[in-house]
Amino acid sequence: MSRVQTPIRRNDTVAVNTGKDSGKRGRVLKVLPAKNRLIVEGVNMIKRHTRPNPQRNIKGGIVEREAALHASNVQLICPECSKVTRIGHRVLGDGRKVRICRKCEGVVDK
């Protein structure tokens, strides 16, 4: 299985386009590039039955947590214009390659 390069990175704010959570916004907690999936904070919540583990101080029961969703189902939210946007790339004067917002031409990377 080949690795897919996704333009979305950890700690980016994204909006969900499709599925049961469409319209929700959240912060990317984890990127899984091998499967082209993301885990977004507060989106795609599932219930998981866990066994108690006293050594790790884990209580048993039903735990709600985020499940991964496909990277094609989310779009980046520009931190400058705070709109849902596509991502472009540009090389700055100092030689850095950065992601830019296609709507306001602002730099997405810090």
PDB file of N, CA and C in Angstrom:
ATOM      1  N   MET A   1       0.843  -1.185   0.000  1.00  0.00           N
ATOM      2  CA  MET A   1       0.000   0.000   0.000  1.00  0.00           C
ATOM      3  C   MET A   1       0.885   1.243   0.000  1.00  0.00           C
ATOM      4  N   SER A   2       0.603   2.168  -0.889  1.00  0.00           N
ATOM      5  CA  SER A   2       1.435   3.351  -1.015  1.00  0.00           C
ATOM      6  C   SER A   2       0.973   4.451  -0.067  1.00  0.00           C
ATOM      7  N   ARG A   3       1.915   5.266   0.337  1.00  0.00           N
ATOM      8  CA  ARG A   3       1.611   6.409   1.198  1.00  0.00           C
ATOM      9  C   ARG A   3       1.061   7.541   0.357  1.00  0.00           C
ATOM     10  N   VAL A   4      -0.004   8.152   0.819  1.00  0.00           N
ATOM     11  CA  VAL A   4      -0.613   9.278   0.105  1.00  0.00           C
ATOM     12  C   VAL A   4      -0.266  10.559   0.840  1.00  0.00           C
ATOM     13  N   GLN A   5       0.216  11.552   0.105  1.00  0.00           N
ATOM     14  CA  GLN A   5       0.572  12.835   0.705  1.00  0.00           C
ATOM     15  C   GLN A   5      -0.688  13.684   0.845  1.00  0.00           C
ATOM     16  N   THR A   6      -1.116  13.952   2.057  1.00  0.00           N
ATOM     17  CA  THR A   6      -2.289  14.786   2.291  1.00  0.00           C
ATOM     18  C   THR A   6      -1.835  16.182   2.699  1.00  0.00           C
ATOM     19  N   PRO A   7      -2.507  17.223   2.196  1.00  0.00           N
ATOM     20  CA  PRO A   7      -2.089  18.581   2.539  1.00  0.00           C
ATOM     21  C   PRO A   7      -2.516  19.018   3.939  1.00  0.00           C
ATOM     22  N   ILE A   8      -3.273  18.187   4.635  1.00  0.00           N
ATOM     23  CA  ILE A   8      -3.751  18.533   5.971  1.00  0.00           C
ATOM     24  C   ILE A   8      -2.809  17.935   7.011  1.00  0.00           C
ATOM     25  N   ARG A   9      -2.458  18.737   8.001  1.00  0.00           N
ATOM     26  CA  ARG A   9      -1.506  18.310   9.032  1.00  0.00           C
ATOM     27  C   ARG A   9      -2.141  18.366  10.411  1.00  0.00           C
ATOM     28  N   ARG A  10      -1.404  17.875  11.409  1.00  0.00           N
ATOM     29  CA  ARG A  10      -1.883  17.888  12.781  1.00  0.00           C
ATOM     30  C   ARG A  10      -2.076  19.326  13.260  1.00  0.00           C
ATOM     31  N   ASN A  11      -3.082  19.534  14.097  1.00  0.00           N
ATOM     32  CA  ASN A  11      -3.446  20.838  14.680  1.00  0.00           C
ATOM     33  C   ASN A  11      -4.068  21.820  13.682  1.00  0.00           C
ATOM     34  N   ASP A  12      -4.334  21.384  12.441  1.00  0.00           N
ATOM     35  CA  ASP A  12      -5.094  22.220  11.508  1.00  0.00           C
ATOM     36  C   ASP A  12      -6.561  22.184  11.906  1.00  0.00           C
ATOM     37  N   THR A  13      -7.290  23.256  11.616  1.00  0.00           N
ATOM     38  CA  THR A  13      -8.730  23.275  11.825  1.00  0.00           C
ATOM     39  C   THR A  13      -9.388  22.912  10.504  1.00  0.00           C
ATOM     40  N   VAL A  14     -10.293  21.931  10.546  1.00  0.00           N
ATOM     41  CA  VAL A  14     -10.938  21.458   9.326  1.00  0.00           C
ATOM     42  C   VAL A  14     -12.452  21.463   9.497  1.00  0.00           C
ATOM     43  N   ALA A  15     -13.157  21.453   8.363  1.00  0.00           N
ATOM     44  CA  ALA A  15     -14.610  21.339   8.337  1.00  0.00           C
ATOM     45  C   ALA A  15     -14.962  20.039   7.628  1.00  0.00           C
ATOM     46  N   VAL A  16     -15.954  19.315   8.150  1.00  0.00           N
ATOM     47  CA  VAL A  16     -16.366  18.044   7.568  1.00  0.00           C
ATOM     48  C   VAL A  16     -17.409  18.326   6.488  1.00  0.00           C
ATOM     49  N   ASN A  17     -17.201  17.751   5.288  1.00  0.00           N
ATOM     50  CA  ASN A  17     -18.091  17.981   4.150  1.00  0.00           C
ATOM     51  C   ASN A  17     -19.240  16.998   4.087  1.00  0.00           C
ATOM     52  N   THR A  18     -18.969  15.718   4.319  1.00  0.00           N
ATOM     53  CA  THR A  18     -19.960  14.675   4.095  1.00  0.00           C
ATOM     54  C   THR A  18     -20.099  13.782   5.313  1.00  0.00           C
ATOM     55  N   GLY A  19     -21.162  12.993   5.314  1.00  0.00           N
ATOM     56  CA  GLY A  19     -21.368  12.024   6.378  1.00  0.00           C
ATOM     57  C   GLY A  19     -22.278  12.541   7.462  1.00  0.00           C
ATOM     58  N   LYS A  20     -22.362  11.777   8.544  1.00  0.00           N
ATOM     59  CA  LYS A  20     -23.282  12.121   9.633  1.00  0.00           C
ATOM     60  C   LYS A  20     -22.861  13.383  10.376  1.00  0.00           C
ATOM     61  N   ASP A  21     -21.593  13.749  10.286  1.00  0.00           N
ATOM     62  CA  ASP A  21     -21.083  14.924  10.990  1.00  0.00           C
ATOM     63  C   ASP A  21     -20.805  16.088  10.047  1.00  0.00           C
ATOM     64  N   SER A  22     -21.475  16.142   8.896  1.00  0.00           N
ATOM     65  CA  SER A  22     -21.189  17.213   7.938  1.00  0.00           C
ATOM     66  C   SER A  22     -21.557  18.566   8.538  1.00  0.00           C
ATOM     67  N   GLY A  23     -20.694  19.550   8.294  1.00  0.00           N
ATOM     68  CA  GLY A  23     -20.889  20.886   8.844  1.00  0.00           C
ATOM     69  C   GLY A  23     -20.127  21.130  10.128  1.00  0.00           C
ATOM     70  N   LYS A  24     -19.668  20.081  10.795  1.00  0.00           N
ATOM     71  CA  LYS A  24     -18.916  20.254  12.040  1.00  0.00           C
ATOM     72  C   LYS A  24     -17.492  20.681  11.739  1.00  0.00           C
ATOM     73  N   ARG A  25     -16.920  21.409  12.693  1.00  0.00           N
ATOM     74  CA  ARG A  25     -15.531  21.836  12.598  1.00  0.00           C
ATOM     75  C   ARG A  25     -14.761  21.275  13.777  1.00  0.00           C
ATOM     76  N   GLY A  26     -13.494  21.021  13.567  1.00  0.00           N
ATOM     77  CA  GLY A  26     -12.671  20.498  14.654  1.00  0.00           C
ATOM     78  C   GLY A  26     -11.199  20.555  14.312  1.00  0.00           C
ATOM     79  N   ARG A  27     -10.386  20.276  15.322  1.00  0.00           N
ATOM     80  CA  ARG A  27      -8.933  20.287  15.186  1.00  0.00           C
ATOM     81  C   ARG A  27      -8.452  18.875  14.882  1.00  0.00           C
ATOM     82  N   VAL A  28      -7.488  18.750  13.983  1.00  0.00           N
ATOM     83  CA  VAL A  28      -6.945  17.437  13.622  1.00  0.00           C
ATOM     84  C   VAL A  28      -6.040  16.963  14.753  1.00  0.00           C
ATOM     85  N   LEU A  29      -6.385  15.809  15.324  1.00  0.00           N
ATOM     86  CA  LEU A  29      -5.592  15.246  16.414  1.00  0.00           C
ATOM     87  C   LEU A  29      -4.476  14.352  15.894  1.00  0.00           C
ATOM     88  N   LYS A  30      -4.773  13.600  14.827  1.00  0.00           N
ATOM     89  CA  LYS A  30      -3.811  12.633  14.320  1.00  0.00           C
ATOM     90  C   LYS A  30      -4.019  12.437  12.827  1.00  0.00           C
ATOM     91  N   VAL A  31      -2.936  12.255  12.081  1.00  0.00           N
ATOM     92  CA  VAL A  31      -3.000  11.981  10.649  1.00  0.00           C
ATOM     93  C   VAL A  31      -2.451  10.585  10.426  1.00  0.00           C
ATOM     94  N   LEU A  32      -3.204   9.763   9.687  1.00  0.00           N
ATOM     95  CA  LEU A  32      -2.783   8.401   9.349  1.00  0.00           C
ATOM     96  C   LEU A  32      -2.513   8.356   7.844  1.00  0.00           C
ATOM     97  N   PRO A  33      -1.289   8.697   7.392  1.00  0.00           N
ATOM     98  CA  PRO A  33      -1.030   8.824   5.965  1.00  0.00           C
ATOM     99  C   PRO A  33      -1.084   7.499   5.203  1.00  0.00           C
ATOM    100  N   ALA A  34      -0.809   6.379   5.867  1.00  0.00           N
ATOM    101  CA  ALA A  34      -0.845   5.085   5.185  1.00  0.00           C
ATOM    102  C   ALA A  34      -2.255   4.736   4.723  1.00  0.00           C
ATOM    103  N   LYS A  35      -3.263   5.165   5.499  1.00  0.00           N
ATOM    104  CA  LYS A  35      -4.658   4.881   5.162  1.00  0.00           C
ATOM    105  C   LYS A  35      -5.376   6.103   4.608  1.00  0.00           C
ATOM    106  N   ASN A  36      -4.682   7.243   4.495  1.00  0.00           N
ATOM    107  CA  ASN A  36      -5.249   8.510   4.025  1.00  0.00           C
ATOM    108  C   ASN A  36      -6.447   8.927   4.884  1.00  0.00           C
ATOM    109  N   ARG A  37      -6.290   8.822   6.205  1.00  0.00           N
ATOM    110  CA  ARG A  37      -7.365   9.125   7.140  1.00  0.00           C
ATOM    111  C   ARG A  37      -6.892  10.106   8.203  1.00  0.00           C
ATOM    112  N   LEU A  38      -7.871  10.741   8.877  1.00  0.00           N
ATOM    113  CA  LEU A  38      -7.588  11.717   9.933  1.00  0.00           C
ATOM    114  C   LEU A  38      -8.455  11.421  11.136  1.00  0.00           C
ATOM    115  N   ILE A  39      -7.992  11.822  12.306  1.00  0.00           N
ATOM    116  CA  ILE A  39      -8.826  11.798  13.503  1.00  0.00           C
ATOM    117  C   ILE A  39      -9.037  13.252  13.899  1.00  0.00           C
ATOM    118  N   VAL A  40     -10.312  13.680  13.911  1.00  0.00           N
ATOM    119  CA  VAL A  40     -10.671  15.070  14.175  1.00  0.00           C
ATOM    120  C   VAL A  40     -11.375  15.143  15.526  1.00  0.00           C
ATOM    121  N   GLU A  41     -11.025  16.145  16.315  1.00  0.00           N
ATOM    122  CA  GLU A  41     -11.544  16.319  17.670  1.00  0.00           C
ATOM    123  C   GLU A  41     -13.056  16.556  17.654  1.00  0.00           C
ATOM    124  N   GLY A  42     -13.801  15.700  18.359  1.00  0.00           N
ATOM    125  CA  GLY A  42     -15.247  15.857  18.507  1.00  0.00           C
ATOM    126  C   GLY A  42     -16.070  15.437  17.303  1.00  0.00           C
ATOM    127  N   VAL A  43     -15.464  14.784  16.326  1.00  0.00           N
ATOM    128  CA  VAL A  43     -16.158  14.387  15.098  1.00  0.00           C
ATOM    129  C   VAL A  43     -16.064  12.870  14.949  1.00  0.00           C
ATOM    130  N   ASN A  44     -17.138  12.252  14.435  1.00  0.00           N
ATOM    131  CA  ASN A  44     -17.200  10.810  14.175  1.00  0.00           C
ATOM    132  C   ASN A  44     -17.004  10.012  15.470  1.00  0.00           C
ATOM    133  N   MET A  45     -17.797  10.343  16.480  1.00  0.00           N
ATOM    134  CA  MET A  45     -17.681   9.695  17.783  1.00  0.00           C
ATOM    135  C   MET A  45     -18.263   8.281  17.732  1.00  0.00           C
ATOM    136  N   ILE A  46     -17.533   7.329  18.339  1.00  0.00           N
ATOM    137  CA  ILE A  46     -17.994   5.951  18.437  1.00  0.00           C
ATOM    138  C   ILE A  46     -17.951   5.521  19.892  1.00  0.00           C
ATOM    139  N   LYS A  47     -18.725   4.495  20.212  1.00  0.00           N
ATOM    140  CA  LYS A  47     -18.704   3.924  21.563  1.00  0.00           C
ATOM    141  C   LYS A  47     -17.864   2.656  21.531  1.00  0.00           C
ATOM    142  N   ARG A  48     -16.931   2.559  22.474  1.00  0.00           N
ATOM    143  CA  ARG A  48     -16.024   1.428  22.510  1.00  0.00           C
ATOM    144  C   ARG A  48     -16.131   0.780  23.891  1.00  0.00           C
ATOM    145  N   HIS A  49     -16.348  -0.521  23.936  1.00  0.00           N
ATOM    146  CA  HIS A  49     -16.415  -1.251  25.210  1.00  0.00           C
ATOM    147  C   HIS A  49     -14.993  -1.583  25.645  1.00  0.00           C
ATOM    148  N   THR A  50     -14.611  -1.111  26.840  1.00  0.00           N
ATOM    149  CA  THR A  50     -13.247  -1.338  27.323  1.00  0.00           C
ATOM    150  C   THR A  50     -13.263  -2.145  28.604  1.00  0.00           C
ATOM    151  N   ARG A  51     -12.253  -2.952  28.759  1.00  0.00           N
ATOM    152  CA  ARG A  51     -12.080  -3.778  29.950  1.00  0.00           C
ATOM    153  C   ARG A  51     -11.263  -2.985  30.969  1.00  0.00           C
ATOM    154  N   PRO A  52     -11.584  -3.085  32.237  1.00  0.00           N
ATOM    155  CA  PRO A  52     -10.797  -2.347  33.229  1.00  0.00           C
ATOM    156  C   PRO A  52      -9.366  -2.856  33.310  1.00  0.00           C
ATOM    157  N   ASN A  53      -8.420  -1.931  33.484  1.00  0.00           N
ATOM    158  CA  ASN A  53      -7.007  -2.266  33.617  1.00  0.00           C
ATOM    159  C   ASN A  53      -6.437  -1.438  34.768  1.00  0.00           C
ATOM    160  N   PRO A  54      -6.345  -2.031  35.970  1.00  0.00           N
ATOM    161  CA  PRO A  54      -5.876  -1.271  37.131  1.00  0.00           C
ATOM    162  C   PRO A  54      -4.426  -0.788  36.997  1.00  0.00           C
ATOM    163  N   GLN A  55      -3.593  -1.524  36.257  1.00  0.00           N
ATOM    164  CA  GLN A  55      -2.192  -1.123  36.111  1.00  0.00           C
ATOM    165  C   GLN A  55      -2.071   0.205  35.365  1.00  0.00           C
ATOM    166  N   ARG A  56      -2.900   0.404  34.348  1.00  0.00           N
ATOM    167  CA  ARG A  56      -2.878   1.649  33.579  1.00  0.00           C
ATOM    168  C   ARG A  56      -3.900   2.661  34.084  1.00  0.00           C
ATOM    169  N   ASN A  57      -4.588   2.329  35.165  1.00  0.00           N
ATOM    170  CA  ASN A  57      -5.585   3.203  35.782  1.00  0.00           C
ATOM    171  C   ASN A  57      -6.735   3.503  34.810  1.00  0.00           C
ATOM    172  N   ILE A  58      -7.183   2.457  34.089  1.00  0.00           N
ATOM    173  CA  ILE A  58      -8.287   2.590  33.139  1.00  0.00           C
ATOM    174  C   ILE A  58      -9.517   1.931  33.740  1.00  0.00           C
ATOM    175  N   LYS A  59     -10.609   2.704  33.812  1.00  0.00           N
ATOM    176  CA  LYS A  59     -11.857   2.136  34.280  1.00  0.00           C
ATOM    177  C   LYS A  59     -12.561   1.459  33.112  1.00  0.00           C
ATOM    178  N   GLY A  60     -13.280   0.402  33.406  1.00  0.00           N
ATOM    179  CA  GLY A  60     -14.014  -0.312  32.365  1.00  0.00           C
ATOM    180  C   GLY A  60     -15.325   0.367  32.049  1.00  0.00           C
ATOM    181  N   GLY A  61     -15.987  -0.120  31.012  1.00  0.00           N
ATOM    182  CA  GLY A  61     -17.288   0.424  30.646  1.00  0.00           C
ATOM    183  C   GLY A  61     -17.320   0.862  29.196  1.00  0.00           C
ATOM    184  N   ILE A  62     -18.289   1.673  28.874  1.00  0.00           N
ATOM    185  CA  ILE A  62     -18.452   2.153  27.508  1.00  0.00           C
ATOM    186  C   ILE A  62     -17.815   3.539  27.412  1.00  0.00           C
ATOM    187  N   VAL A  63     -16.823   3.656  26.531  1.00  0.00           N
ATOM    188  CA  VAL A  63     -16.066   4.897  26.366  1.00  0.00           C
ATOM    189  C   VAL A  63     -16.365   5.463  24.985  1.00  0.00           C
ATOM    190  N   GLU A  64     -16.617   6.774  24.920  1.00  0.00           N
ATOM    191  CA  GLU A  64     -16.822   7.426  23.631  1.00  0.00           C
ATOM    192  C   GLU A  64     -15.514   8.060  23.188  1.00  0.00           C
ATOM    193  N   ARG A  65     -15.133   7.811  21.920  1.00  0.00           N
ATOM    194  CA  ARG A  65     -13.921   8.417  21.379  1.00  0.00           C
ATOM    195  C   ARG A  65     -14.071   8.658  19.891  1.00  0.00           C
ATOM    196  N   GLU A  66     -13.119   9.395  19.323  1.00  0.00           N
ATOM    197  CA  GLU A  66     -13.170   9.731  17.914  1.00  0.00           C
ATOM    198  C   GLU A  66     -12.661   8.572  17.066  1.00  0.00           C
ATOM    199  N   ALA A  67     -13.328   8.332  15.937  1.00  0.00           N
ATOM    200  CA  ALA A  67     -12.866   7.361  14.956  1.00  0.00           C
ATOM    201  C   ALA A  67     -12.280   8.123  13.777  1.00  0.00           C
ATOM    202  N   ALA A  68     -11.463   7.434  12.984  1.00  0.00           N
ATOM    203  CA  ALA A  68     -10.830   8.069  11.827  1.00  0.00           C
ATOM    204  C   ALA A  68     -11.844   8.279  10.716  1.00  0.00           C
ATOM    205  N   LEU A  69     -11.656   9.361   9.961  1.00  0.00           N
ATOM    206  CA  LEU A  69     -12.474   9.572   8.774  1.00  0.00           C
ATOM    207  C   LEU A  69     -11.551   9.894   7.607  1.00  0.00           C
ATOM    208  N   HIS A  70     -12.038   9.674   6.383  1.00  0.00           N
ATOM    209  CA  HIS A  70     -11.206   9.801   5.202  1.00  0.00           C
ATOM    210  C   HIS A  70     -10.843  11.268   4.956  1.00  0.00           C
ATOM    211  N   ALA A  71      -9.613  11.487   4.496  1.00  0.00           N
ATOM    212  CA  ALA A  71      -9.114  12.847   4.302  1.00  0.00           C
ATOM    213  C   ALA A  71      -9.876  13.602   3.215  1.00  0.00           C
ATOM    214  N   SER A  72     -10.510  12.882   2.291  1.00  0.00           N
ATOM    215  CA  SER A  72     -11.250  13.555   1.220  1.00  0.00           C
ATOM    216  C   SER A  72     -12.573  14.125   1.721  1.00  0.00           C
ATOM    217  N   ASN A  73     -12.997  13.762   2.924  1.00  0.00           N
ATOM    218  CA  ASN A  73     -14.266  14.239   3.466  1.00  0.00           C
ATOM    219  C   ASN A  73     -14.123  15.510   4.302  1.00  0.00           C
ATOM    220  N   VAL A  74     -12.932  16.073   4.368  1.00  0.00           N
ATOM    221  CA  VAL A  74     -12.722  17.300   5.134  1.00  0.00           C
ATOM    222  C   VAL A  74     -12.028  18.339   4.264  1.00  0.00           C
ATOM    223  N   GLN A  75     -12.212  19.616   4.636  1.00  0.00           N
ATOM    224  CA  GLN A  75     -11.512  20.715   3.991  1.00  0.00           C
ATOM    225  C   GLN A  75     -10.909  21.616   5.051  1.00  0.00           C
ATOM    226  N   LEU A  76      -9.764  22.187   4.721  1.00  0.00           N
ATOM    227  CA  LEU A  76      -9.050  23.060   5.640  1.00  0.00           C
ATOM    228  C   LEU A  76      -9.786  24.385   5.815  1.00  0.00           C
ATOM    229  N   ILE A  77      -9.731  24.935   7.034  1.00  0.00           N
ATOM    230  CA  ILE A  77     -10.251  26.264   7.307  1.00  0.00           C
ATOM    231  C   ILE A  77      -9.047  27.190   7.465  1.00  0.00           C
ATOM    232  N   CYS A  78      -9.024  28.246   6.651  1.00  0.00           N
ATOM    233  CA  CYS A  78      -7.903  29.189   6.661  1.00  0.00           C
ATOM    234  C   CYS A  78      -7.878  29.939   7.991  1.00  0.00           C
ATOM    235  N   PRO A  79      -6.712  30.006   8.673  1.00  0.00           N
ATOM    236  CA  PRO A  79      -6.648  30.736   9.940  1.00  0.00           C
ATOM    237  C   PRO A  79      -6.764  32.257   9.778  1.00  0.00           C
ATOM    238  N   GLU A  80      -6.487  32.789   8.579  1.00  0.00           N
ATOM    239  CA  GLU A  80      -6.553  34.239   8.369  1.00  0.00           C
ATOM    240  C   GLU A  80      -7.964  34.705   8.017  1.00  0.00           C
ATOM    241  N   CYS A  81      -8.577  34.079   6.990  1.00  0.00           N
ATOM    242  CA  CYS A  81      -9.905  34.535   6.564  1.00  0.00           C
ATOM    243  C   CYS A  81     -11.016  33.682   7.162  1.00  0.00           C
ATOM    244  N   SER A  82     -10.666  32.620   7.865  1.00  0.00           N
ATOM    245  CA  SER A  82     -11.571  31.684   8.550  1.00  0.00           C
ATOM    246  C   SER A  82     -12.693  31.169   7.640  1.00  0.00           C
ATOM    247  N   LYS A  83     -12.331  30.880   6.380  1.00  0.00           N
ATOM    248  CA  LYS A  83     -13.255  30.279   5.432  1.00  0.00           C
ATOM    249  C   LYS A  83     -12.742  28.902   5.037  1.00  0.00           C
ATOM    250  N   VAL A  84     -13.670  28.054   4.571  1.00  0.00           N
ATOM    251  CA  VAL A  84     -13.286  26.747   4.051  1.00  0.00           C
ATOM    252  C   VAL A  84     -12.602  26.980   2.720  1.00  0.00           C
ATOM    253  N   THR A  85     -11.421  26.383   2.525  1.00  0.00           N
ATOM    254  CA  THR A  85     -10.628  26.692   1.339  1.00  0.00           C
ATOM    255  C   THR A  85      -9.866  25.480   0.835  1.00  0.00           C
ATOM    256  N   ARG A  86      -9.418  25.602  -0.404  1.00  0.00           N
ATOM    257  CA  ARG A  86      -8.469  24.643  -0.946  1.00  0.00           C
ATOM    258  C   ARG A  86      -7.063  25.126  -0.610  1.00  0.00           C
ATOM    259  N   ILE A  87      -6.083  24.257  -0.805  1.00  0.00           N
ATOM    260  CA  ILE A  87      -4.724  24.565  -0.384  1.00  0.00           C
ATOM    261  C   ILE A  87      -3.812  24.619  -1.599  1.00  0.00           C
ATOM    262  N   GLY A  88      -2.991  25.674  -1.659  1.00  0.00           N
ATOM    263  CA  GLY A  88      -1.964  25.774  -2.681  1.00  0.00           C
ATOM    264  C   GLY A  88      -0.604  25.788  -2.015  1.00  0.00           C
ATOM    265  N   HIS A  89       0.442  25.805  -2.821  1.00  0.00           N
ATOM    266  CA  HIS A  89       1.805  25.845  -2.295  1.00  0.00           C
ATOM    267  C   HIS A  89       2.566  26.993  -2.946  1.00  0.00           C
ATOM    268  N   ARG A  90       3.492  27.575  -2.190  1.00  0.00           N
ATOM    269  CA  ARG A  90       4.304  28.657  -2.707  1.00  0.00           C
ATOM    270  C   ARG A  90       5.659  28.611  -2.006  1.00  0.00           C
ATOM    271  N   VAL A  91       6.711  28.962  -2.739  1.00  0.00           N
ATOM    272  CA  VAL A  91       8.046  29.044  -2.162  1.00  0.00           C
ATOM    273  C   VAL A  91       8.308  30.506  -1.817  1.00  0.00           C
ATOM    274  N   LEU A  92       8.609  30.760  -0.538  1.00  0.00           N
ATOM    275  CA  LEU A  92       8.863  32.122  -0.075  1.00  0.00           C
ATOM    276  C   LEU A  92      10.275  32.555  -0.448  1.00  0.00           C
ATOM    277  N   GLY A  93      10.581  33.820  -0.195  1.00  0.00           N
ATOM    278  CA  GLY A  93      11.890  34.379  -0.523  1.00  0.00           C
ATOM    279  C   GLY A  93      13.036  33.714   0.214  1.00  0.00           C
ATOM    280  N   ASP A  94      12.763  33.226   1.434  1.00  0.00           N
ATOM    281  CA  ASP A  94      13.833  32.577   2.204  1.00  0.00           C
ATOM    282  C   ASP A  94      13.981  31.093   1.862  1.00  0.00           C
ATOM    283  N   GLY A  95      13.243  30.603   0.846  1.00  0.00           N
ATOM    284  CA  GLY A  95      13.400  29.221   0.389  1.00  0.00           C
ATOM    285  C   GLY A  95      12.455  28.225   1.021  1.00  0.00           C
ATOM    286  N   ARG A  96      11.570  28.691   1.950  1.00  0.00           N
ATOM    287  CA  ARG A  96      10.614  27.773   2.580  1.00  0.00           C
ATOM    288  C   ARG A  96       9.441  27.520   1.648  1.00  0.00           C
ATOM    289  N   LYS A  97       8.998  26.265   1.564  1.00  0.00           N
ATOM    290  CA  LYS A  97       7.790  25.927   0.820  1.00  0.00           C
ATOM    291  C   LYS A  97       6.642  25.887   1.820  1.00  0.00           C
ATOM    292  N   VAL A  98       5.618  26.741   1.607  1.00  0.00           N
ATOM    293  CA  VAL A  98       4.525  26.865   2.561  1.00  0.00           C
ATOM    294  C   VAL A  98       3.202  26.598   1.868  1.00  0.00           C
ATOM    295  N   ARG A  99       2.196  26.253   2.669  1.00  0.00           N
ATOM    296  CA  ARG A  99       0.830  26.092   2.169  1.00  0.00           C
ATOM    297  C   ARG A  99       0.136  27.448   2.204  1.00  0.00           C
ATOM    298  N   ILE A 100      -0.644  27.755   1.158  1.00  0.00           N
ATOM    299  CA  ILE A 100      -1.353  29.024   1.116  1.00  0.00           C
ATOM    300  C   ILE A 100      -2.839  28.767   0.905  1.00  0.00           C
ATOM    301  N   CYS A 101      -3.640  29.722   1.354  1.00  0.00           N
ATOM    302  CA  CYS A 101      -5.089  29.705   1.159  1.00  0.00           C
ATOM    303  C   CYS A 101      -5.380  30.140  -0.268  1.00  0.00           C
ATOM    304  N   ARG A 102      -6.247  29.425  -0.972  1.00  0.00           N
ATOM    305  CA  ARG A 102      -6.580  29.773  -2.349  1.00  0.00           C
ATOM    306  C   ARG A 102      -7.520  30.979  -2.428  1.00  0.00           C
ATOM    307  N   LYS A 103      -8.187  31.332  -1.335  1.00  0.00           N
ATOM    308  CA  LYS A 103      -9.135  32.449  -1.365  1.00  0.00           C
ATOM    309  C   LYS A 103      -8.473  33.770  -1.017  1.00  0.00           C
ATOM    310  N   CYS A 104      -7.697  33.797   0.082  1.00  0.00           N
ATOM    311  CA  CYS A 104      -7.109  35.074   0.517  1.00  0.00           C
ATOM    312  C   CYS A 104      -5.615  35.159   0.254  1.00  0.00           C
ATOM    313  N   GLU A 105      -5.027  34.086  -0.308  1.00  0.00           N
ATOM    314  CA  GLU A 105      -3.575  34.020  -0.595  1.00  0.00           C
ATOM    315  C   GLU A 105      -2.727  34.153   0.666  1.00  0.00           C
ATOM    316  N   GLY A 106      -3.324  33.941   1.850  1.00  0.00           N
ATOM    317  CA  GLY A 106      -2.571  34.021   3.103  1.00  0.00           C
ATOM    318  C   GLY A 106      -1.830  32.730   3.380  1.00  0.00           C
ATOM    319  N   VAL A 107      -0.760  32.823   4.143  1.00  0.00           N
ATOM    320  CA  VAL A 107       0.053  31.655   4.486  1.00  0.00           C
ATOM    321  C   VAL A 107      -0.642  30.883   5.598  1.00  0.00           C
ATOM    322  N   VAL A 108      -0.838  29.576   5.383  1.00  0.00           N
ATOM    323  CA  VAL A 108      -1.512  28.720   6.364  1.00  0.00           C
ATOM    324  C   VAL A 108      -0.519  28.259   7.432  1.00  0.00           C
ATOM    325  N   ASP A 109       0.723  27.966   7.014  1.00  0.00           N
ATOM    326  CA  ASP A 109       1.756  27.502   7.959  1.00  0.00           C
ATOM    327  C   ASP A 109       2.235  28.662   8.824  1.00  0.00           C
ATOM    328  N   LYS A 110       2.618  28.314  10.051  1.00  0.00           N
ATOM    329  CA  LYS A 110       3.075  29.346  10.982  1.00  0.00           C
ATOM    330  C   LYS A 110       4.553  29.616  10.799  1.00  0.00           C
TER     331      LYS A 110
END
